Amino acid sequence: MREAMQVGCGFRVKEIKGHDYVYFWHYEDRGGRSRQIHVYVGARRSPATARRLAALLEAYYARVAGDLARELAAHRLAAASLR
């Protein structure tokens, strides 16, 4: 059985040259290893940034819900084979 996936995401605000910018981060499997990926979303005070961030969070959780369901099914099969 493969190693368990790493699940997680969030966002952070970085100050660059006196301006605040928002970055969304999440984990991805790259080459068999879990990597934290950062995606630029936009300027902190922009309403468009808030909308883009919300969409990124929604999409991430929708995707990992399916991944977690498949992971659980695989673990259930493996556990059932122990009997």
PDB file of N, CA and C in Angstrom:
ATOM      1  N   MET A   1       0.852  -1.186   0.000  1.00  0.00           N
ATOM      2  CA  MET A   1       0.000   0.000   0.000  1.00  0.00           C
ATOM      3  C   MET A   1       0.893   1.243   0.000  1.00  0.00           C
ATOM      4  N   ARG A   2       0.454   2.246  -0.746  1.00  0.00           N
ATOM      5  CA  ARG A   2       1.257   3.464  -0.845  1.00  0.00           C
ATOM      6  C   ARG A   2       1.184   4.263   0.452  1.00  0.00           C
ATOM      7  N   GLU A   3       2.126   5.169   0.593  1.00  0.00           N
ATOM      8  CA  GLU A   3       2.162   6.033   1.769  1.00  0.00           C
ATOM      9  C   GLU A   3       0.967   6.981   1.748  1.00  0.00           C
ATOM     10  N   ALA A   4       0.468   7.345   2.919  1.00  0.00           N
ATOM     11  CA  ALA A   4      -0.698   8.227   3.018  1.00  0.00           C
ATOM     12  C   ALA A   4      -0.394   9.604   2.447  1.00  0.00           C
ATOM     13  N   MET A   5      -1.418  10.186   1.844  1.00  0.00           N
ATOM     14  CA  MET A   5      -1.266  11.522   1.278  1.00  0.00           C
ATOM     15  C   MET A   5      -1.252  12.564   2.391  1.00  0.00           C
ATOM     16  N   GLN A   6      -0.644  13.693   2.108  1.00  0.00           N
ATOM     17  CA  GLN A   6      -0.635  14.793   3.062  1.00  0.00           C
ATOM     18  C   GLN A   6      -1.706  15.786   2.632  1.00  0.00           C
ATOM     19  N   VAL A   7      -2.599  16.105   3.558  1.00  0.00           N
ATOM     20  CA  VAL A   7      -3.717  16.990   3.265  1.00  0.00           C
ATOM     21  C   VAL A   7      -3.527  18.282   4.042  1.00  0.00           C
ATOM     22  N   GLY A   8      -3.799  19.385   3.389  1.00  0.00           N
ATOM     23  CA  GLY A   8      -3.743  20.665   4.072  1.00  0.00           C
ATOM     24  C   GLY A   8      -3.660  21.809   3.089  1.00  0.00           C
ATOM     25  N   CYS A   9      -4.205  22.923   3.508  1.00  0.00           N
ATOM     26  CA  CYS A   9      -4.113  24.138   2.716  1.00  0.00           C
ATOM     27  C   CYS A   9      -4.338  25.323   3.640  1.00  0.00           C
ATOM     28  N   GLY A  10      -4.080  26.495   3.118  1.00  0.00           N
ATOM     29  CA  GLY A  10      -4.295  27.711   3.882  1.00  0.00           C
ATOM     30  C   GLY A  10      -3.853  28.899   3.063  1.00  0.00           C
ATOM     31  N   PHE A  11      -3.691  30.013   3.720  1.00  0.00           N
ATOM     32  CA  PHE A  11      -3.203  31.186   3.011  1.00  0.00           C
ATOM     33  C   PHE A  11      -2.387  32.029   3.970  1.00  0.00           C
ATOM     34  N   ARG A  12      -1.576  32.873   3.387  1.00  0.00           N
ATOM     35  CA  ARG A  12      -0.783  33.788   4.194  1.00  0.00           C
ATOM     36  C   ARG A  12      -0.675  35.108   3.468  1.00  0.00           C
ATOM     37  N   VAL A  13      -0.421  36.139   4.245  1.00  0.00           N
ATOM     38  CA  VAL A  13      -0.223  37.475   3.709  1.00  0.00           C
ATOM     39  C   VAL A  13       1.261  37.798   3.833  1.00  0.00           C
ATOM     40  N   LYS A  14       1.869  38.171   2.716  1.00  0.00           N
ATOM     41  CA  LYS A  14       3.287  38.544   2.698  1.00  0.00           C
ATOM     42  C   LYS A  14       3.397  40.032   2.388  1.00  0.00           C
ATOM     43  N   GLU A  15       4.227  40.704   3.155  1.00  0.00           N
ATOM     44  CA  GLU A  15       4.495  42.115   2.878  1.00  0.00           C
ATOM     45  C   GLU A  15       5.716  42.196   1.970  1.00  0.00           C
ATOM     46  N   ILE A  16       5.544  42.874   0.855  1.00  0.00           N
ATOM     47  CA  ILE A  16       6.635  43.061  -0.099  1.00  0.00           C
ATOM     48  C   ILE A  16       6.678  44.543  -0.458  1.00  0.00           C
ATOM     49  N   LYS A  17       7.786  45.182  -0.134  1.00  0.00           N
ATOM     50  CA  LYS A  17       7.987  46.609  -0.419  1.00  0.00           C
ATOM     51  C   LYS A  17       6.817  47.469   0.065  1.00  0.00           C
ATOM     52  N   GLY A  18       6.361  47.177   1.282  1.00  0.00           N
ATOM     53  CA  GLY A  18       5.314  47.972   1.911  1.00  0.00           C
ATOM     54  C   GLY A  18       3.893  47.648   1.486  1.00  0.00           C
ATOM     55  N   HIS A  19       3.712  46.640   0.642  1.00  0.00           N
ATOM     56  CA  HIS A  19       2.375  46.250   0.193  1.00  0.00           C
ATOM     57  C   HIS A  19       2.110  44.806   0.613  1.00  0.00           C
ATOM     58  N   ASP A  20       0.851  44.502   0.964  1.00  0.00           N
ATOM     59  CA  ASP A  20       0.474  43.159   1.398  1.00  0.00           C
ATOM     60  C   ASP A  20      -0.135  42.370   0.239  1.00  0.00           C
ATOM     61  N   TYR A  21       0.350  41.124   0.087  1.00  0.00           N
ATOM     62  CA  TYR A  21      -0.123  40.239  -0.973  1.00  0.00           C
ATOM     63  C   TYR A  21      -0.525  38.900  -0.365  1.00  0.00           C
ATOM     64  N   VAL A  22      -1.533  38.285  -0.943  1.00  0.00           N
ATOM     65  CA  VAL A  22      -2.080  37.028  -0.434  1.00  0.00           C
ATOM     66  C   VAL A  22      -1.581  35.865  -1.295  1.00  0.00           C
ATOM     67  N   TYR A  23      -1.162  34.803  -0.607  1.00  0.00           N
ATOM     68  CA  TYR A  23      -0.737  33.572  -1.258  1.00  0.00           C
ATOM     69  C   TYR A  23      -1.520  32.407  -0.667  1.00  0.00           C
ATOM     70  N   PHE A  24      -2.035  31.560  -1.523  1.00  0.00           N
ATOM     71  CA  PHE A  24      -2.724  30.332  -1.133  1.00  0.00           C
ATOM     72  C   PHE A  24      -1.688  29.213  -1.173  1.00  0.00           C
ATOM     73  N   TRP A  25      -1.672  28.355  -0.164  1.00  0.00           N
ATOM     74  CA  TRP A  25      -0.749  27.220  -0.174  1.00  0.00           C
ATOM     75  C   TRP A  25      -1.528  25.925  -0.003  1.00  0.00           C
ATOM     76  N   HIS A  26      -0.991  24.875  -0.571  1.00  0.00           N
ATOM     77  CA  HIS A  26      -1.584  23.540  -0.445  1.00  0.00           C
ATOM     78  C   HIS A  26      -0.498  22.499  -0.713  1.00  0.00           C
ATOM     79  N   TYR A  27      -0.808  21.271  -0.369  1.00  0.00           N
ATOM     80  CA  TYR A  27       0.120  20.174  -0.612  1.00  0.00           C
ATOM     81  C   TYR A  27      -0.258  19.457  -1.891  1.00  0.00           C
ATOM     82  N   GLU A  28       0.773  19.064  -2.658  1.00  0.00           N
ATOM     83  CA  GLU A  28       0.600  18.265  -3.867  1.00  0.00           C
ATOM     84  C   GLU A  28       1.632  17.155  -3.855  1.00  0.00           C
ATOM     85  N   ASP A  29       1.263  16.036  -4.472  1.00  0.00           N
ATOM     86  CA  ASP A  29       2.204  14.941  -4.648  1.00  0.00           C
ATOM     87  C   ASP A  29       2.980  15.220  -5.927  1.00  0.00           C
ATOM     88  N   ARG A  30       4.268  15.371  -5.798  1.00  0.00           N
ATOM     89  CA  ARG A  30       5.134  15.620  -6.963  1.00  0.00           C
ATOM     90  C   ARG A  30       6.285  14.631  -6.929  1.00  0.00           C
ATOM     91  N   GLY A  31       6.256  13.737  -7.897  1.00  0.00           N
ATOM     92  CA  GLY A  31       7.336  12.749  -7.974  1.00  0.00           C
ATOM     93  C   GLY A  31       7.360  11.821  -6.781  1.00  0.00           C
ATOM     94  N   GLY A  32       6.197  11.501  -6.241  1.00  0.00           N
ATOM     95  CA  GLY A  32       6.126  10.604  -5.100  1.00  0.00           C
ATOM     96  C   GLY A  32       6.399  11.255  -3.759  1.00  0.00           C
ATOM     97  N   ARG A  33       6.599  12.565  -3.759  1.00  0.00           N
ATOM     98  CA  ARG A  33       6.859  13.290  -2.511  1.00  0.00           C
ATOM     99  C   ARG A  33       5.838  14.404  -2.355  1.00  0.00           C
ATOM    100  N   SER A  34       5.469  14.659  -1.138  1.00  0.00           N
ATOM    101  CA  SER A  34       4.538  15.744  -0.846  1.00  0.00           C
ATOM    102  C   SER A  34       5.286  17.074  -0.829  1.00  0.00           C
ATOM    103  N   ARG A  35       4.768  18.032  -1.569  1.00  0.00           N
ATOM    104  CA  ARG A  35       5.381  19.361  -1.640  1.00  0.00           C
ATOM    105  C   ARG A  35       4.344  20.420  -1.292  1.00  0.00           C
ATOM    106  N   GLN A  36       4.790  21.438  -0.589  1.00  0.00           N
ATOM    107  CA  GLN A  36       3.912  22.575  -0.313  1.00  0.00           C
ATOM    108  C   GLN A  36       4.049  23.552  -1.481  1.00  0.00           C
ATOM    109  N   ILE A  37       2.918  23.879  -2.083  1.00  0.00           N
ATOM    110  CA  ILE A  37       2.880  24.745  -3.256  1.00  0.00           C
ATOM    111  C   ILE A  37       2.238  26.069  -2.854  1.00  0.00           C
ATOM    112  N   HIS A  38       2.822  27.178  -3.299  1.00  0.00           N
ATOM    113  CA  HIS A  38       2.270  28.509  -3.032  1.00  0.00           C
ATOM    114  C   HIS A  38       1.777  29.111  -4.341  1.00  0.00           C
ATOM    115  N   VAL A  39       0.583  29.686  -4.305  1.00  0.00           N
ATOM    116  CA  VAL A  39      -0.019  30.302  -5.479  1.00  0.00           C
ATOM    117  C   VAL A  39      -0.353  31.750  -5.139  1.00  0.00           C
ATOM    118  N   TYR A  40       0.129  32.661  -5.946  1.00  0.00           N
ATOM    119  CA  TYR A  40      -0.198  34.080  -5.751  1.00  0.00           C
ATOM    120  C   TYR A  40      -1.674  34.296  -6.044  1.00  0.00           C
ATOM    121  N   VAL A  41      -2.365  34.995  -5.132  1.00  0.00           N
ATOM    122  CA  VAL A  41      -3.794  35.255  -5.299  1.00  0.00           C
ATOM    123  C   VAL A  41      -4.036  36.708  -5.682  1.00  0.00           C
ATOM    124  N   GLY A  42      -3.405  37.653  -4.998  1.00  0.00           N
ATOM    125  CA  GLY A  42      -3.572  39.054  -5.340  1.00  0.00           C
ATOM    126  C   GLY A  42      -3.268  39.969  -4.166  1.00  0.00           C
ATOM    127  N   ALA A  43      -3.534  41.245  -4.385  1.00  0.00           N
ATOM    128  CA  ALA A  43      -3.323  42.245  -3.340  1.00  0.00           C
ATOM    129  C   ALA A  43      -4.321  42.027  -2.205  1.00  0.00           C
ATOM    130  N   ARG A  44      -3.864  42.238  -0.973  1.00  0.00           N
ATOM    131  CA  ARG A  44      -4.676  41.941   0.201  1.00  0.00           C
ATOM    132  C   ARG A  44      -6.007  42.680   0.217  1.00  0.00           C
ATOM    133  N   ARG A  45      -6.044  43.923  -0.114  1.00  0.00           N
ATOM    134  CA  ARG A  45      -7.258  44.728   0.032  1.00  0.00           C
ATOM    135  C   ARG A  45      -8.202  44.645  -1.171  1.00  0.00           C
ATOM    136  N   SER A  46      -7.892  43.841  -2.150  1.00  0.00           N
ATOM    137  CA  SER A  46      -8.715  43.734  -3.348  1.00  0.00           C
ATOM    138  C   SER A  46      -9.891  42.775  -3.133  1.00  0.00           C
ATOM    139  N   PRO A  47     -11.112  43.213  -3.435  1.00  0.00           N
ATOM    140  CA  PRO A  47     -12.258  42.297  -3.347  1.00  0.00           C
ATOM    141  C   PRO A  47     -12.093  41.085  -4.265  1.00  0.00           C
ATOM    142  N   ALA A  48     -11.432  41.281  -5.400  1.00  0.00           N
ATOM    143  CA  ALA A  48     -11.206  40.167  -6.317  1.00  0.00           C
ATOM    144  C   ALA A  48     -10.311  39.105  -5.674  1.00  0.00           C
ATOM    145  N   THR A  49      -9.350  39.533  -4.862  1.00  0.00           N
ATOM    146  CA  THR A  49      -8.470  38.594  -4.164  1.00  0.00           C
ATOM    147  C   THR A  49      -9.275  37.727  -3.206  1.00  0.00           C
ATOM    148  N   ALA A  50     -10.178  38.339  -2.473  1.00  0.00           N
ATOM    149  CA  ALA A  50     -11.013  37.576  -1.531  1.00  0.00           C
ATOM    150  C   ALA A  50     -11.845  36.540  -2.283  1.00  0.00           C
ATOM    151  N   ARG A  51     -12.390  36.905  -3.437  1.00  0.00           N
ATOM    152  CA  ARG A  51     -13.188  35.966  -4.240  1.00  0.00           C
ATOM    153  C   ARG A  51     -12.320  34.829  -4.780  1.00  0.00           C
ATOM    154  N   ARG A  52     -11.136  35.180  -5.289  1.00  0.00           N
ATOM    155  CA  ARG A  52     -10.236  34.144  -5.816  1.00  0.00           C
ATOM    156  C   ARG A  52      -9.784  33.192  -4.716  1.00  0.00           C
ATOM    157  N   LEU A  53      -9.477  33.744  -3.537  1.00  0.00           N
ATOM    158  CA  LEU A  53      -9.056  32.896  -2.428  1.00  0.00           C
ATOM    159  C   LEU A  53     -10.174  31.947  -2.013  1.00  0.00           C
ATOM    160  N   ALA A  54     -11.388  32.457  -1.913  1.00  0.00           N
ATOM    161  CA  ALA A  54     -12.528  31.603  -1.560  1.00  0.00           C
ATOM    162  C   ALA A  54     -12.704  30.485  -2.582  1.00  0.00           C
ATOM    163  N   ALA A  55     -12.557  30.810  -3.857  1.00  0.00           N
ATOM    164  CA  ALA A  55     -12.699  29.796  -4.907  1.00  0.00           C
ATOM    165  C   ALA A  55     -11.596  28.744  -4.813  1.00  0.00           C
ATOM    166  N   LEU A  56     -10.365  29.165  -4.538  1.00  0.00           N
ATOM    167  CA  LEU A  56      -9.259  28.215  -4.382  1.00  0.00           C
ATOM    168  C   LEU A  56      -9.486  27.285  -3.195  1.00  0.00           C
ATOM    169  N   LEU A  57      -9.947  27.834  -2.082  1.00  0.00           N
ATOM    170  CA  LEU A  57     -10.226  27.010  -0.902  1.00  0.00           C
ATOM    171  C   LEU A  57     -11.338  26.006  -1.188  1.00  0.00           C
ATOM    172  N   GLU A  58     -12.423  26.460  -1.810  1.00  0.00           N
ATOM    173  CA  GLU A  58     -13.545  25.567  -2.157  1.00  0.00           C
ATOM    174  C   GLU A  58     -13.081  24.446  -3.075  1.00  0.00           C
ATOM    175  N   ALA A  59     -12.313  24.794  -4.104  1.00  0.00           N
ATOM    176  CA  ALA A  59     -11.843  23.790  -5.065  1.00  0.00           C
ATOM    177  C   ALA A  59     -10.922  22.779  -4.391  1.00  0.00           C
ATOM    178  N   TYR A  60     -10.052  23.253  -3.517  1.00  0.00           N
ATOM    179  CA  TYR A  60      -9.138  22.348  -2.835  1.00  0.00           C
ATOM    180  C   TYR A  60      -9.911  21.338  -1.991  1.00  0.00           C
ATOM    181  N   TYR A  61     -10.839  21.833  -1.178  1.00  0.00           N
ATOM    182  CA  TYR A  61     -11.588  20.918  -0.309  1.00  0.00           C
ATOM    183  C   TYR A  61     -12.477  19.972  -1.104  1.00  0.00           C
ATOM    184  N   ALA A  62     -13.009  20.420  -2.227  1.00  0.00           N
ATOM    185  CA  ALA A  62     -13.804  19.519  -3.076  1.00  0.00           C
ATOM    186  C   ALA A  62     -12.926  18.396  -3.632  1.00  0.00           C
ATOM    187  N   ARG A  63     -11.715  18.755  -4.058  1.00  0.00           N
ATOM    188  CA  ARG A  63     -10.809  17.755  -4.617  1.00  0.00           C
ATOM    189  C   ARG A  63     -10.351  16.753  -3.563  1.00  0.00           C
ATOM    190  N   VAL A  64      -9.936  17.243  -2.401  1.00  0.00           N
ATOM    191  CA  VAL A  64      -9.418  16.305  -1.407  1.00  0.00           C
ATOM    192  C   VAL A  64     -10.513  15.453  -0.783  1.00  0.00           C
ATOM    193  N   ALA A  65     -11.750  15.917  -0.829  1.00  0.00           N
ATOM    194  CA  ALA A  65     -12.844  15.074  -0.320  1.00  0.00           C
ATOM    195  C   ALA A  65     -12.897  13.776  -1.119  1.00  0.00           C
ATOM    196  N   GLY A  66     -12.778  13.869  -2.433  1.00  0.00           N
ATOM    197  CA  GLY A  66     -12.756  12.674  -3.275  1.00  0.00           C
ATOM    198  C   GLY A  66     -11.522  11.833  -3.025  1.00  0.00           C
ATOM    199  N   ASP A  67     -10.366  12.485  -2.903  1.00  0.00           N
ATOM    200  CA  ASP A  67      -9.120  11.766  -2.618  1.00  0.00           C
ATOM    201  C   ASP A  67      -9.210  11.019  -1.295  1.00  0.00           C
ATOM    202  N   LEU A  68      -9.758  11.678  -0.279  1.00  0.00           N
ATOM    203  CA  LEU A  68      -9.885  11.036   1.035  1.00  0.00           C
ATOM    204  C   LEU A  68     -10.866   9.873   0.993  1.00  0.00           C
ATOM    205  N   ALA A  69     -11.937  10.004   0.240  1.00  0.00           N
ATOM    206  CA  ALA A  69     -12.906   8.904   0.111  1.00  0.00           C
ATOM    207  C   ALA A  69     -12.234   7.685  -0.534  1.00  0.00           C
ATOM    208  N   ARG A  70     -11.430   7.903  -1.581  1.00  0.00           N
ATOM    209  CA  ARG A  70     -10.706   6.801  -2.224  1.00  0.00           C
ATOM    210  C   ARG A  70      -9.672   6.197  -1.271  1.00  0.00           C
ATOM    211  N   GLU A  71      -9.000   7.051  -0.520  1.00  0.00           N
ATOM    212  CA  GLU A  71      -8.005   6.579   0.456  1.00  0.00           C
ATOM    213  C   GLU A  71      -8.677   5.703   1.519  1.00  0.00           C
ATOM    214  N   LEU A  72      -9.820   6.131   2.020  1.00  0.00           N
ATOM    215  CA  LEU A  72     -10.556   5.358   3.020  1.00  0.00           C
ATOM    216  C   LEU A  72     -10.996   4.011   2.448  1.00  0.00           C
ATOM    217  N   ALA A  73     -11.485   4.013   1.222  1.00  0.00           N
ATOM    218  CA  ALA A  73     -11.909   2.756   0.594  1.00  0.00           C
ATOM    219  C   ALA A  73     -10.735   1.787   0.478  1.00  0.00           C
ATOM    220  N   ALA A  74      -9.564   2.298   0.092  1.00  0.00           N
ATOM    221  CA  ALA A  74      -8.379   1.444  -0.022  1.00  0.00           C
ATOM    222  C   ALA A  74      -7.970   0.884   1.341  1.00  0.00           C
ATOM    223  N   HIS A  75      -8.035   1.710   2.374  1.00  0.00           N
ATOM    224  CA  HIS A  75      -7.689   1.242   3.718  1.00  0.00           C
ATOM    225  C   HIS A  75      -8.702   0.217   4.224  1.00  0.00           C
ATOM    226  N   ARG A  76      -9.969   0.420   3.906  1.00  0.00           N
ATOM    227  CA  ARG A  76     -10.994  -0.563   4.317  1.00  0.00           C
ATOM    228  C   ARG A  76     -10.730  -1.921   3.671  1.00  0.00           C
ATOM    229  N   LEU A  77     -10.384  -1.922   2.366  1.00  0.00           N
ATOM    230  CA  LEU A  77     -10.074  -3.164   1.687  1.00  0.00           C
ATOM    231  C   LEU A  77      -8.870  -3.854   2.312  1.00  0.00           C
ATOM    232  N   ALA A  78      -7.840  -3.076   2.597  1.00  0.00           N
ATOM    233  CA  ALA A  78      -6.633  -3.637   3.187  1.00  0.00           C
ATOM    234  C   ALA A  78      -6.928  -4.216   4.567  1.00  0.00           C
ATOM    235  N   ALA A  79      -7.715  -3.502   5.355  1.00  0.00           N
ATOM    236  CA  ALA A  79      -8.070  -3.986   6.708  1.00  0.00           C
ATOM    237  C   ALA A  79      -8.915  -5.237   6.627  1.00  0.00           C
ATOM    238  N   ALA A  80      -9.829  -5.307   5.658  1.00  0.00           N
ATOM    239  CA  ALA A  80     -10.687  -6.478   5.516  1.00  0.00           C
ATOM    240  C   ALA A  80      -9.862  -7.712   5.116  1.00  0.00           C
ATOM    241  N   SER A  81      -8.767  -7.522   4.408  1.00  0.00           N
ATOM    242  CA  SER A  81      -7.935  -8.660   3.985  1.00  0.00           C
ATOM    243  C   SER A  81      -7.158  -9.251   5.167  1.00  0.00           C
ATOM    244  N   LEU A  82      -7.139  -8.591   6.306  1.00  0.00           N
ATOM    245  CA  LEU A  82      -6.449  -9.101   7.484  1.00  0.00           C
ATOM    246  C   LEU A  82      -7.210 -10.222   8.178  1.00  0.00           C
ATOM    247  N   ARG A  83      -8.459 -10.349   7.853  1.00  0.00           N
ATOM    248  CA  ARG A  83      -9.287 -11.358   8.536  1.00  0.00           C
ATOM    249  C   ARG A  83      -8.909 -12.755   8.183  1.00  0.00           C
TER     250      ARG A  83
END
